[in-house]
């Protein structure tokens, strides 16, 4: 039996989700993650780059391009196949977890309502 990976922290999930459509540089990742999370995820520079370093080490993202802009290095990151797979696995885990609550809510609202005798 294959052991499922541990649940992702929300910032990691939204960093990977931000990179799903196209490679982005750091500031664009911050903005896209905030947008995708409806403002719940607000990444600081330190948090973002620590996560990107970790995700690069785990081969979930890679540097797609490195350029110099105004004398500063600007890296553009992209999602790898491994990162996309991990993102999809986490999305499936979240859907399954939500289904537990949703299905119980549906059952409770469709249950027969008992009325007191008149």
PDB file of N, CA and C in Angstrom:
ATOM      1  N   UNK A   1       0.848  -1.187   0.000  1.00  0.00           N
ATOM      2  CA  UNK A   1       0.000   0.000   0.000  1.00  0.00           C
ATOM      3  C   UNK A   1       0.888   1.244   0.000  1.00  0.00           C
ATOM      4  N   UNK A   2       0.576   2.210  -0.852  1.00  0.00           N
ATOM      5  CA  UNK A   2       1.346   3.450  -0.934  1.00  0.00           C
ATOM      6  C   UNK A   2       0.840   4.414   0.130  1.00  0.00           C
ATOM      7  N   UNK A   3       1.765   4.924   0.913  1.00  0.00           N
ATOM      8  CA  UNK A   3       1.415   5.864   1.977  1.00  0.00           C
ATOM      9  C   UNK A   3       1.185   7.252   1.364  1.00  0.00           C
ATOM     10  N   UNK A   4       0.019   7.872   1.622  1.00  0.00           N
ATOM     11  CA  UNK A   4      -0.222   9.212   1.084  1.00  0.00           C
ATOM     12  C   UNK A   4       0.715  10.217   1.735  1.00  0.00           C
ATOM     13  N   UNK A   5       1.042  11.262   1.019  1.00  0.00           N
ATOM     14  CA  UNK A   5       1.916  12.284   1.584  1.00  0.00           C
ATOM     15  C   UNK A   5       1.151  13.098   2.620  1.00  0.00           C
ATOM     16  N   UNK A   6       1.893  13.778   3.461  1.00  0.00           N
ATOM     17  CA  UNK A   6       1.289  14.606   4.502  1.00  0.00           C
ATOM     18  C   UNK A   6       0.538  15.765   3.857  1.00  0.00           C
ATOM     19  N   UNK A   7      -0.520  16.238   4.513  1.00  0.00           N
ATOM     20  CA  UNK A   7      -1.244  17.393   3.970  1.00  0.00           C
ATOM     21  C   UNK A   7      -0.315  18.593   3.817  1.00  0.00           C
ATOM     22  N   UNK A   8      -0.548  19.382   2.789  1.00  0.00           N
ATOM     23  CA  UNK A   8       0.249  20.583   2.537  1.00  0.00           C
ATOM     24  C   UNK A   8      -0.235  21.718   3.416  1.00  0.00           C
ATOM     25  N   UNK A   9       0.689  22.566   3.767  1.00  0.00           N
ATOM     26  CA  UNK A   9       0.290  23.812   4.426  1.00  0.00           C
ATOM     27  C   UNK A   9      -0.340  24.706   3.359  1.00  0.00           C
ATOM     28  N   UNK A  10      -1.257  25.534   3.769  1.00  0.00           N
ATOM     29  CA  UNK A  10      -1.993  26.384   2.827  1.00  0.00           C
ATOM     30  C   UNK A  10      -1.079  27.276   1.974  1.00  0.00           C
ATOM     31  N   UNK A  11      -0.046  27.918   2.541  1.00  0.00           N
ATOM     32  CA  UNK A  11       0.825  28.733   1.682  1.00  0.00           C
ATOM     33  C   UNK A  11       1.495  27.914   0.575  1.00  0.00           C
ATOM     34  N   UNK A  12       1.957  26.709   0.899  1.00  0.00           N
ATOM     35  CA  UNK A  12       2.583  25.849  -0.109  1.00  0.00           C
ATOM     36  C   UNK A  12       1.597  25.514  -1.210  1.00  0.00           C
ATOM     37  N   UNK A  13       0.382  25.156  -0.829  1.00  0.00           N
ATOM     38  CA  UNK A  13      -0.661  24.818  -1.798  1.00  0.00           C
ATOM     39  C   UNK A  13      -0.883  25.978  -2.767  1.00  0.00           C
ATOM     40  N   UNK A  14      -0.986  27.186  -2.252  1.00  0.00           N
ATOM     41  CA  UNK A  14      -1.277  28.323  -3.109  1.00  0.00           C
ATOM     42  C   UNK A  14      -0.056  28.808  -3.893  1.00  0.00           C
ATOM     43  N   UNK A  15       1.142  28.560  -3.415  1.00  0.00           N
ATOM     44  CA  UNK A  15       2.336  28.844  -4.220  1.00  0.00           C
ATOM     45  C   UNK A  15       2.338  27.929  -5.448  1.00  0.00           C
ATOM     46  N   UNK A  16       2.099  26.641  -5.212  1.00  0.00           N
ATOM     47  CA  UNK A  16       2.045  25.699  -6.342  1.00  0.00           C
ATOM     48  C   UNK A  16       0.883  26.033  -7.274  1.00  0.00           C
ATOM     49  N   UNK A  17      -0.255  26.378  -6.717  1.00  0.00           N
ATOM     50  CA  UNK A  17      -1.419  26.734  -7.538  1.00  0.00           C
ATOM     51  C   UNK A  17      -1.133  27.982  -8.379  1.00  0.00           C
ATOM     52  N   UNK A  18      -0.393  28.926  -7.807  1.00  0.00           N
ATOM     53  CA  UNK A  18      -0.047  30.148  -8.539  1.00  0.00           C
ATOM     54  C   UNK A  18       0.797  29.843  -9.771  1.00  0.00           C
ATOM     55  N   UNK A  19       1.606  28.804  -9.681  1.00  0.00           N
ATOM     56  CA  UNK A  19       2.506  28.444 -10.788  1.00  0.00           C
ATOM     57  C   UNK A  19       1.869  27.465 -11.773  1.00  0.00           C
ATOM     58  N   UNK A  20       0.643  27.077 -11.534  1.00  0.00           N
ATOM     59  CA  UNK A  20      -0.005  26.064 -12.361  1.00  0.00           C
ATOM     60  C   UNK A  20      -0.172  26.513 -13.813  1.00  0.00           C
ATOM     61  N   UNK A  21      -0.486  27.761 -14.055  1.00  0.00           N
ATOM     62  CA  UNK A  21      -0.764  28.222 -15.413  1.00  0.00           C
ATOM     63  C   UNK A  21       0.456  28.703 -16.178  1.00  0.00           C
ATOM     64  N   UNK A  22       1.413  29.281 -15.454  1.00  0.00           N
ATOM     65  CA  UNK A  22       2.575  29.850 -16.138  1.00  0.00           C
ATOM     66  C   UNK A  22       3.696  30.118 -15.143  1.00  0.00           C
ATOM     67  N   UNK A  23       4.928  30.186 -15.624  1.00  0.00           N
ATOM     68  CA  UNK A  23       6.048  30.568 -14.749  1.00  0.00           C
ATOM     69  C   UNK A  23       5.863  32.007 -14.261  1.00  0.00           C
ATOM     70  N   UNK A  24       6.263  32.266 -13.012  1.00  0.00           N
ATOM     71  CA  UNK A  24       6.127  33.598 -12.425  1.00  0.00           C
ATOM     72  C   UNK A  24       7.354  33.938 -11.597  1.00  0.00           C
ATOM     73  N   UNK A  25       7.615  35.233 -11.446  1.00  0.00           N
ATOM     74  CA  UNK A  25       8.667  35.688 -10.534  1.00  0.00           C
ATOM     75  C   UNK A  25       8.040  35.877  -9.158  1.00  0.00           C
ATOM     76  N   UNK A  26       8.877  36.094  -8.157  1.00  0.00           N
ATOM     77  CA  UNK A  26       8.442  36.123  -6.768  1.00  0.00           C
ATOM     78  C   UNK A  26       7.261  37.020  -6.462  1.00  0.00           C
ATOM     79  N   UNK A  27       7.329  38.280  -6.868  1.00  0.00           N
ATOM     80  CA  UNK A  27       6.244  39.218  -6.563  1.00  0.00           C
ATOM     81  C   UNK A  27       4.939  38.759  -7.209  1.00  0.00           C
ATOM     82  N   UNK A  28       5.011  38.243  -8.425  1.00  0.00           N
ATOM     83  CA  UNK A  28       3.807  37.754  -9.107  1.00  0.00           C
ATOM     84  C   UNK A  28       3.234  36.526  -8.398  1.00  0.00           C
ATOM     85  N   UNK A  29       4.096  35.686  -7.829  1.00  0.00           N
ATOM     86  CA  UNK A  29       3.625  34.524  -7.061  1.00  0.00           C
ATOM     87  C   UNK A  29       2.867  35.007  -5.830  1.00  0.00           C
ATOM     88  N   UNK A  30       3.413  35.988  -5.127  1.00  0.00           N
ATOM     89  CA  UNK A  30       2.769  36.547  -3.934  1.00  0.00           C
ATOM     90  C   UNK A  30       1.374  37.056  -4.284  1.00  0.00           C
ATOM     91  N   UNK A  31       1.269  37.844  -5.346  1.00  0.00           N
ATOM     92  CA  UNK A  31      -0.008  38.428  -5.750  1.00  0.00           C
ATOM     93  C   UNK A  31      -0.994  37.363  -6.204  1.00  0.00           C
ATOM     94  N   UNK A  32      -0.527  36.406  -6.997  1.00  0.00           N
ATOM     95  CA  UNK A  32      -1.407  35.353  -7.514  1.00  0.00           C
ATOM     96  C   UNK A  32      -1.903  34.439  -6.379  1.00  0.00           C
ATOM     97  N   UNK A  33      -1.035  34.092  -5.430  1.00  0.00           N
ATOM     98  CA  UNK A  33      -1.436  33.257  -4.291  1.00  0.00           C
ATOM     99  C   UNK A  33      -2.487  33.976  -3.450  1.00  0.00           C
ATOM    100  N   UNK A  34      -2.306  35.259  -3.253  1.00  0.00           N
ATOM    101  CA  UNK A  34      -3.277  36.047  -2.493  1.00  0.00           C
ATOM    102  C   UNK A  34      -4.620  36.067  -3.230  1.00  0.00           C
ATOM    103  N   UNK A  35      -4.570  36.261  -4.531  1.00  0.00           N
ATOM    104  CA  UNK A  35      -5.791  36.292  -5.339  1.00  0.00           C
ATOM    105  C   UNK A  35      -6.507  34.931  -5.322  1.00  0.00           C
ATOM    106  N   UNK A  36      -5.763  33.858  -5.538  1.00  0.00           N
ATOM    107  CA  UNK A  36      -6.355  32.521  -5.581  1.00  0.00           C
ATOM    108  C   UNK A  36      -6.948  32.099  -4.235  1.00  0.00           C
ATOM    109  N   UNK A  37      -6.381  32.601  -3.145  1.00  0.00           N
ATOM    110  CA  UNK A  37      -6.849  32.235  -1.805  1.00  0.00           C
ATOM    111  C   UNK A  37      -7.889  33.215  -1.261  1.00  0.00           C
ATOM    112  N   UNK A  38      -8.376  34.104  -2.111  1.00  0.00           N
ATOM    113  CA  UNK A  38      -9.320  35.140  -1.677  1.00  0.00           C
ATOM    114  C   UNK A  38      -8.771  35.953  -0.516  1.00  0.00           C
ATOM    115  N   UNK A  39      -7.455  36.209  -0.551  1.00  0.00           N
ATOM    116  CA  UNK A  39      -6.820  37.055   0.449  1.00  0.00           C
ATOM    117  C   UNK A  39      -6.373  36.355   1.718  1.00  0.00           C
ATOM    118  N   UNK A  40      -6.646  35.055   1.850  1.00  0.00           N
ATOM    119  CA  UNK A  40      -6.247  34.330   3.071  1.00  0.00           C
ATOM    120  C   UNK A  40      -4.742  34.159   3.160  1.00  0.00           C
ATOM    121  N   UNK A  41      -4.078  33.962   2.029  1.00  0.00           N
ATOM    122  CA  UNK A  41      -2.632  33.740   2.021  1.00  0.00           C
ATOM    123  C   UNK A  41      -1.948  35.036   1.619  1.00  0.00           C
ATOM    124  N   UNK A  42      -1.200  35.595   2.554  1.00  0.00           N
ATOM    125  CA  UNK A  42      -0.430  36.822   2.321  1.00  0.00           C
ATOM    126  C   UNK A  42       1.031  36.493   2.642  1.00  0.00           C
ATOM    127  N   UNK A  43       1.770  36.197   1.610  1.00  0.00           N
ATOM    128  CA  UNK A  43       3.148  35.740   1.771  1.00  0.00           C
ATOM    129  C   UNK A  43       4.104  36.901   1.963  1.00  0.00           C
ATOM    130  N   UNK A  44       4.980  36.791   2.958  1.00  0.00           N
ATOM    131  CA  UNK A  44       6.067  37.754   3.093  1.00  0.00           C
ATOM    132  C   UNK A  44       7.203  37.276   2.194  1.00  0.00           C
ATOM    133  N   UNK A  45       8.139  38.149   1.925  1.00  0.00           N
ATOM    134  CA  UNK A  45       9.279  37.795   1.079  1.00  0.00           C
ATOM    135  C   UNK A  45      10.047  36.626   1.676  1.00  0.00           C
ATOM    136  N   UNK A  46      10.304  36.678   2.970  1.00  0.00           N
ATOM    137  CA  UNK A  46      11.048  35.608   3.633  1.00  0.00           C
ATOM    138  C   UNK A  46      10.344  34.266   3.545  1.00  0.00           C
ATOM    139  N   UNK A  47       9.040  34.277   3.790  1.00  0.00           N
ATOM    140  CA  UNK A  47       8.252  33.040   3.715  1.00  0.00           C
ATOM    141  C   UNK A  47       8.249  32.488   2.294  1.00  0.00           C
ATOM    142  N   UNK A  48       8.050  33.366   1.325  1.00  0.00           N
ATOM    143  CA  UNK A  48       8.001  32.933  -0.072  1.00  0.00           C
ATOM    144  C   UNK A  48       9.307  32.276  -0.487  1.00  0.00           C
ATOM    145  N   UNK A  49      10.433  32.965  -0.259  1.00  0.00           N
ATOM    146  CA  UNK A  49      11.698  32.422  -0.753  1.00  0.00           C
ATOM    147  C   UNK A  49      12.162  31.202   0.027  1.00  0.00           C
ATOM    148  N   UNK A  50      11.807  31.112   1.309  1.00  0.00           N
ATOM    149  CA  UNK A  50      12.106  29.887   2.059  1.00  0.00           C
ATOM    150  C   UNK A  50      11.307  28.726   1.471  1.00  0.00           C
ATOM    151  N   UNK A  51      10.036  28.976   1.149  1.00  0.00           N
ATOM    152  CA  UNK A  51       9.192  27.926   0.552  1.00  0.00           C
ATOM    153  C   UNK A  51       9.698  27.555  -0.836  1.00  0.00           C
ATOM    154  N   UNK A  52      10.073  28.548  -1.643  1.00  0.00           N
ATOM    155  CA  UNK A  52      10.578  28.251  -2.994  1.00  0.00           C
ATOM    156  C   UNK A  52      11.881  27.455  -2.935  1.00  0.00           C
ATOM    157  N   UNK A  53      12.749  27.787  -1.980  1.00  0.00           N
ATOM    158  CA  UNK A  53      13.987  27.012  -1.810  1.00  0.00           C
ATOM    159  C   UNK A  53      13.671  25.562  -1.447  1.00  0.00           C
ATOM    160  N   UNK A  54      12.725  25.380  -0.523  1.00  0.00           N
ATOM    161  CA  UNK A  54      12.328  24.028  -0.112  1.00  0.00           C
ATOM    162  C   UNK A  54      11.686  23.281  -1.279  1.00  0.00           C
ATOM    163  N   UNK A  55      10.778  23.941  -1.982  1.00  0.00           N
ATOM    164  CA  UNK A  55      10.081  23.303  -3.104  1.00  0.00           C
ATOM    165  C   UNK A  55      11.035  22.995  -4.259  1.00  0.00           C
ATOM    166  N   UNK A  56      12.044  23.822  -4.442  1.00  0.00           N
ATOM    167  CA  UNK A  56      13.070  23.540  -5.446  1.00  0.00           C
ATOM    168  C   UNK A  56      13.858  22.303  -5.041  1.00  0.00           C
ATOM    169  N   UNK A  57      14.223  22.224  -3.772  1.00  0.00           N
ATOM    170  CA  UNK A  57      14.936  21.052  -3.245  1.00  0.00           C
ATOM    171  C   UNK A  57      14.125  19.774  -3.360  1.00  0.00           C
ATOM    172  N   UNK A  58      12.808  19.896  -3.237  1.00  0.00           N
ATOM    173  CA  UNK A  58      11.912  18.738  -3.363  1.00  0.00           C
ATOM    174  C   UNK A  58      11.524  18.463  -4.817  1.00  0.00           C
ATOM    175  N   UNK A  59      12.094  19.248  -5.727  1.00  0.00           N
ATOM    176  CA  UNK A  59      11.857  19.127  -7.169  1.00  0.00           C
ATOM    177  C   UNK A  59      10.398  19.329  -7.556  1.00  0.00           C
ATOM    178  N   UNK A  60       9.710  20.201  -6.818  1.00  0.00           N
ATOM    179  CA  UNK A  60       8.329  20.543  -7.158  1.00  0.00           C
ATOM    180  C   UNK A  60       8.261  21.802  -8.006  1.00  0.00           C
ATOM    181  N   UNK A  61       9.263  22.660  -7.852  1.00  0.00           N
ATOM    182  CA  UNK A  61       9.408  23.832  -8.716  1.00  0.00           C
ATOM    183  C   UNK A  61      10.868  23.906  -9.159  1.00  0.00           C
ATOM    184  N   UNK A  62      11.094  24.665 -10.207  1.00  0.00           N
ATOM    185  CA  UNK A  62      12.468  24.901 -10.665  1.00  0.00           C
ATOM    186  C   UNK A  62      12.562  26.326 -11.199  1.00  0.00           C
ATOM    187  N   UNK A  63      13.780  26.817 -11.240  1.00  0.00           N
ATOM    188  CA  UNK A  63      14.019  28.136 -11.808  1.00  0.00           C
ATOM    189  C   UNK A  63      13.927  27.984 -13.318  1.00  0.00           C
ATOM    190  N   UNK A  64      12.999  28.713 -13.919  1.00  0.00           N
ATOM    191  CA  UNK A  64      12.794  28.652 -15.370  1.00  0.00           C
ATOM    192  C   UNK A  64      13.714  29.629 -16.077  1.00  0.00           C
ATOM    193  N   UNK A  65      13.959  30.761 -15.417  1.00  0.00           N
ATOM    194  CA  UNK A  65      14.786  31.798 -16.040  1.00  0.00           C
ATOM    195  C   UNK A  65      15.356  32.691 -14.949  1.00  0.00           C
ATOM    196  N   UNK A  66      16.553  33.161 -15.183  1.00  0.00           N
ATOM    197  CA  UNK A  66      17.151  34.113 -14.253  1.00  0.00           C
ATOM    198  C   UNK A  66      17.694  35.267 -15.076  1.00  0.00           C
ATOM    199  N   UNK A  67      17.222  36.473 -14.777  1.00  0.00           N
ATOM    200  CA  UNK A  67      17.659  37.666 -15.488  1.00  0.00           C
ATOM    201  C   UNK A  67      18.088  38.716 -14.472  1.00  0.00           C
ATOM    202  N   UNK A  68      18.715  39.755 -14.944  1.00  0.00           N
ATOM    203  CA  UNK A  68      19.096  40.869 -14.084  1.00  0.00           C
ATOM    204  C   UNK A  68      18.234  42.060 -14.479  1.00  0.00           C
ATOM    205  N   UNK A  69      17.504  42.592 -13.491  1.00  0.00           N
ATOM    206  CA  UNK A  69      16.629  43.743 -13.701  1.00  0.00           C
ATOM    207  C   UNK A  69      17.049  44.816 -12.711  1.00  0.00           C
ATOM    208  N   UNK A  70      17.449  45.974 -13.233  1.00  0.00           N
ATOM    209  CA  UNK A  70      17.915  47.079 -12.387  1.00  0.00           C
ATOM    210  C   UNK A  70      19.027  46.634 -11.437  1.00  0.00           C
ATOM    211  N   UNK A  71      19.928  45.810 -11.943  1.00  0.00           N
ATOM    212  CA  UNK A  71      21.063  45.358 -11.164  1.00  0.00           C
ATOM    213  C   UNK A  71      20.770  44.241 -10.177  1.00  0.00           C
ATOM    214  N   UNK A  72      19.544  43.740 -10.170  1.00  0.00           N
ATOM    215  CA  UNK A  72      19.159  42.672  -9.231  1.00  0.00           C
ATOM    216  C   UNK A  72      18.728  41.436 -10.000  1.00  0.00           C
ATOM    217  N   UNK A  73      19.103  40.291  -9.467  1.00  0.00           N
ATOM    218  CA  UNK A  73      18.704  39.026 -10.096  1.00  0.00           C
ATOM    219  C   UNK A  73      17.204  38.824  -9.909  1.00  0.00           C
ATOM    220  N   UNK A  74      16.550  38.424 -10.977  1.00  0.00           N
ATOM    221  CA  UNK A  74      15.124  38.101 -10.909  1.00  0.00           C
ATOM    222  C   UNK A  74      14.956  36.686 -11.436  1.00  0.00           C
ATOM    223  N   UNK A  75      14.465  35.826 -10.567  1.00  0.00           N
ATOM    224  CA  UNK A  75      14.230  34.441 -10.954  1.00  0.00           C
ATOM    225  C   UNK A  75      12.753  34.244 -11.268  1.00  0.00           C
ATOM    226  N   UNK A  76      12.523  33.512 -12.316  1.00  0.00           N
ATOM    227  CA  UNK A  76      11.163  33.100 -12.665  1.00  0.00           C
ATOM    228  C   UNK A  76      11.084  31.612 -12.373  1.00  0.00           C
ATOM    229  N   UNK A  77      10.049  31.212 -11.631  1.00  0.00           N
ATOM    230  CA  UNK A  77       9.881  29.822 -11.213  1.00  0.00           C
ATOM    231  C   UNK A  77       8.758  29.168 -12.004  1.00  0.00           C
ATOM    232  N   UNK A  78       8.909  27.849 -12.201  1.00  0.00           N
ATOM    233  CA  UNK A  78       7.845  27.100 -12.856  1.00  0.00           C
ATOM    234  C   UNK A  78       7.585  25.806 -12.096  1.00  0.00           C
ATOM    235  N   UNK A  79       6.388  25.308 -12.258  1.00  0.00           N
ATOM    236  CA  UNK A  79       5.959  24.066 -11.633  1.00  0.00           C
ATOM    237  C   UNK A  79       6.538  22.888 -12.408  1.00  0.00           C
ATOM    238  N   UNK A  80       7.010  21.874 -11.706  1.00  0.00           N
ATOM    239  CA  UNK A  80       7.494  20.651 -12.356  1.00  0.00           C
ATOM    240  C   UNK A  80       6.353  19.637 -12.396  1.00  0.00           C
ATOM    241  N   UNK A  81       6.566  18.549 -13.093  1.00  0.00           N
ATOM    242  CA  UNK A  81       5.559  17.480 -13.116  1.00  0.00           C
ATOM    243  C   UNK A  81       5.314  16.950 -11.703  1.00  0.00           C
ATOM    244  N   UNK A  82       6.374  16.827 -10.939  1.00  0.00           N
ATOM    245  CA  UNK A  82       6.236  16.360  -9.548  1.00  0.00           C
ATOM    246  C   UNK A  82       5.403  17.342  -8.733  1.00  0.00           C
ATOM    247  N   UNK A  83       5.630  18.631  -8.934  1.00  0.00           N
ATOM    248  CA  UNK A  83       4.860  19.647  -8.230  1.00  0.00           C
ATOM    249  C   UNK A  83       3.399  19.642  -8.637  1.00  0.00           C
ATOM    250  N   UNK A  84       3.143  19.471  -9.934  1.00  0.00           N
ATOM    251  CA  UNK A  84       1.768  19.416 -10.421  1.00  0.00           C
ATOM    252  C   UNK A  84       1.051  18.193  -9.851  1.00  0.00           C
ATOM    253  N   UNK A  85       1.744  17.078  -9.802  1.00  0.00           N
ATOM    254  CA  UNK A  85       1.173  15.860  -9.240  1.00  0.00           C
ATOM    255  C   UNK A  85       0.846  16.049  -7.756  1.00  0.00           C
ATOM    256  N   UNK A  86       1.757  16.664  -7.008  1.00  0.00           N
ATOM    257  CA  UNK A  86       1.526  16.916  -5.577  1.00  0.00           C
ATOM    258  C   UNK A  86       0.351  17.876  -5.386  1.00  0.00           C
ATOM    259  N   UNK A  87       0.251  18.881  -6.243  1.00  0.00           N
ATOM    260  CA  UNK A  87      -0.854  19.838  -6.170  1.00  0.00           C
ATOM    261  C   UNK A  87      -2.185  19.126  -6.421  1.00  0.00           C
ATOM    262  N   UNK A  88      -2.229  18.282  -7.436  1.00  0.00           N
ATOM    263  CA  UNK A  88      -3.459  17.536  -7.741  1.00  0.00           C
ATOM    264  C   UNK A  88      -3.815  16.572  -6.610  1.00  0.00           C
ATOM    265  N   UNK A  89      -2.812  15.937  -6.020  1.00  0.00           N
ATOM    266  CA  UNK A  89      -3.047  15.020  -4.898  1.00  0.00           C
ATOM    267  C   UNK A  89      -3.644  15.771  -3.712  1.00  0.00           C
ATOM    268  N   UNK A  90      -3.107  16.945  -3.426  1.00  0.00           N
ATOM    269  CA  UNK A  90      -3.625  17.743  -2.310  1.00  0.00           C
ATOM    270  C   UNK A  90      -5.033  18.240  -2.611  1.00  0.00           C
ATOM    271  N   UNK A  91      -5.299  18.654  -3.835  1.00  0.00           N
ATOM    272  CA  UNK A  91      -6.643  19.097  -4.208  1.00  0.00           C
ATOM    273  C   UNK A  91      -7.645  17.954  -4.022  1.00  0.00           C
ATOM    274  N   UNK A  92      -7.266  16.752  -4.408  1.00  0.00           N
ATOM    275  CA  UNK A  92      -8.147  15.587  -4.236  1.00  0.00           C
ATOM    276  C   UNK A  92      -8.390  15.309  -2.753  1.00  0.00           C
ATOM    277  N   UNK A  93      -7.350  15.458  -1.922  1.00  0.00           N
ATOM    278  CA  UNK A  93      -7.503  15.248  -0.479  1.00  0.00           C
ATOM    279  C   UNK A  93      -8.473  16.274   0.098  1.00  0.00           C
ATOM    280  N   UNK A  94      -8.352  17.528  -0.323  1.00  0.00           N
ATOM    281  CA  UNK A  94      -9.242  18.579   0.176  1.00  0.00           C
ATOM    282  C   UNK A  94     -10.687  18.344  -0.270  1.00  0.00           C
ATOM    283  N   UNK A  95     -10.866  17.890  -1.504  1.00  0.00           N
ATOM    284  CA  UNK A  95     -12.214  17.588  -2.013  1.00  0.00           C
ATOM    285  C   UNK A  95     -12.835  16.462  -1.193  1.00  0.00           C
ATOM    286  N   UNK A  96     -12.060  15.416  -0.927  1.00  0.00           N
ATOM    287  CA  UNK A  96     -12.567  14.286  -0.138  1.00  0.00           C
ATOM    288  C   UNK A  96     -12.940  14.730   1.274  1.00  0.00           C
ATOM    289  N   UNK A  97     -12.126  15.593   1.862  1.00  0.00           N
ATOM    290  CA  UNK A  97     -12.411  16.086   3.207  1.00  0.00           C
ATOM    291  C   UNK A  97     -13.679  16.941   3.208  1.00  0.00           C
ATOM    292  N   UNK A  98     -13.842  17.774   2.202  1.00  0.00           N
ATOM    293  CA  UNK A  98     -15.046  18.611   2.105  1.00  0.00           C
ATOM    294  C   UNK A  98     -16.283  17.760   1.860  1.00  0.00           C
ATOM    295  N   UNK A  99     -16.117  16.687   1.099  1.00  0.00           N
ATOM    296  CA  UNK A  99     -17.241  15.807   0.796  1.00  0.00           C
ATOM    297  C   UNK A  99     -17.819  15.185   2.070  1.00  0.00           C
ATOM    298  N   UNK A 100     -16.972  14.879   3.037  1.00  0.00           N
ATOM    299  CA  UNK A 100     -17.440  14.310   4.305  1.00  0.00           C
ATOM    300  C   UNK A 100     -18.442  15.251   4.962  1.00  0.00           C
ATOM    301  N   UNK A 101     -18.127  16.517   4.990  1.00  0.00           N
ATOM    302  CA  UNK A 101     -19.002  17.503   5.618  1.00  0.00           C
ATOM    303  C   UNK A 101     -20.229  17.753   4.748  1.00  0.00           C
ATOM    304  N   UNK A 102     -20.014  17.958   3.470  1.00  0.00           N
ATOM    305  CA  UNK A 102     -21.125  18.251   2.561  1.00  0.00           C
ATOM    306  C   UNK A 102     -22.126  17.115   2.539  1.00  0.00           C
ATOM    307  N   UNK A 103     -21.667  15.888   2.424  1.00  0.00           N
ATOM    308  CA  UNK A 103     -22.573  14.740   2.363  1.00  0.00           C
ATOM    309  C   UNK A 103     -23.357  14.575   3.657  1.00  0.00           C
ATOM    310  N   UNK A 104     -22.727  14.837   4.787  1.00  0.00           N
ATOM    311  CA  UNK A 104     -23.432  14.743   6.074  1.00  0.00           C
ATOM    312  C   UNK A 104     -24.473  15.844   6.169  1.00  0.00           C
ATOM    313  N   UNK A 105     -24.155  17.029   5.652  1.00  0.00           N
ATOM    314  CA  UNK A 105     -25.094  18.148   5.683  1.00  0.00           C
ATOM    315  C   UNK A 105     -26.305  17.854   4.809  1.00  0.00           C
ATOM    316  N   UNK A 106     -26.086  17.248   3.648  1.00  0.00           N
ATOM    317  CA  UNK A 106     -27.176  16.908   2.735  1.00  0.00           C
ATOM    318  C   UNK A 106     -28.088  15.881   3.385  1.00  0.00           C
ATOM    319  N   UNK A 107     -27.490  14.862   4.000  1.00  0.00           N
ATOM    320  CA  UNK A 107     -28.293  13.833   4.671  1.00  0.00           C
ATOM    321  C   UNK A 107     -29.131  14.428   5.801  1.00  0.00           C
ATOM    322  N   UNK A 108     -28.539  15.337   6.564  1.00  0.00           N
ATOM    323  CA  UNK A 108     -29.271  15.892   7.704  1.00  0.00           C
ATOM    324  C   UNK A 108     -30.416  16.793   7.248  1.00  0.00           C
ATOM    325  N   UNK A 109     -30.283  17.455   6.121  1.00  0.00           N
ATOM    326  CA  UNK A 109     -31.362  18.327   5.648  1.00  0.00           C
ATOM    327  C   UNK A 109     -32.434  17.561   4.901  1.00  0.00           C
ATOM    328  N   UNK A 110     -32.114  16.360   4.416  1.00  0.00           N
ATOM    329  CA  UNK A 110     -33.113  15.562   3.705  1.00  0.00           C
ATOM    330  C   UNK A 110     -33.787  14.540   4.606  1.00  0.00           C
ATOM    331  N   UNK A 111     -33.369  14.483   5.856  1.00  0.00           N
ATOM    332  CA  UNK A 111     -33.980  13.541   6.807  1.00  0.00           C
ATOM    333  C   UNK A 111     -35.431  13.950   7.053  1.00  0.00           C
ATOM    334  N   UNK A 112     -36.234  12.988   7.398  1.00  0.00           N
ATOM    335  CA  UNK A 112     -37.649  13.253   7.681  1.00  0.00           C
ATOM    336  C   UNK A 112     -37.774  14.147   8.899  1.00  0.00           C
ATOM    337  N   UNK A 113     -38.525  15.185   8.762  1.00  0.00           N
ATOM    338  CA  UNK A 113     -38.741  16.104   9.866  1.00  0.00           C
ATOM    339  C   UNK A 113     -39.922  15.593  10.662  1.00  0.00           C
ATOM    340  N   UNK A 114     -39.718  15.407  11.948  1.00  0.00           N
ATOM    341  CA  UNK A 114     -40.782  14.920  12.825  1.00  0.00           C
ATOM    342  C   UNK A 114     -41.517  16.120  13.419  1.00  0.00           C
ATOM    343  N   UNK A 115     -42.783  16.020  13.433  1.00  0.00           N
ATOM    344  CA  UNK A 115     -43.565  17.107  14.028  1.00  0.00           C
ATOM    345  C   UNK A 115     -44.225  16.575  15.298  1.00  0.00           C
ATOM    346  N   UNK A 116     -44.483  17.467  16.191  1.00  0.00           N
ATOM    347  CA  UNK A 116     -45.140  17.099  17.451  1.00  0.00           C
ATOM    348  C   UNK A 116     -46.603  16.798  17.172  1.00  0.00           C
ATOM    349  N   UNK A 117     -47.177  15.832  17.896  1.00  0.00           N
ATOM    350  CA  UNK A 117     -48.587  15.533  17.702  1.00  0.00           C
ATOM    351  C   UNK A 117     -49.448  16.733  18.090  1.00  0.00           C
ATOM    352  N   UNK A 118     -50.526  16.909  17.383  1.00  0.00           N
ATOM    353  CA  UNK A 118     -51.431  18.050  17.637  1.00  0.00           C
ATOM    354  C   UNK A 118     -52.334  17.787  18.800  1.00  0.00           C
TER     355      UNK A 118
END
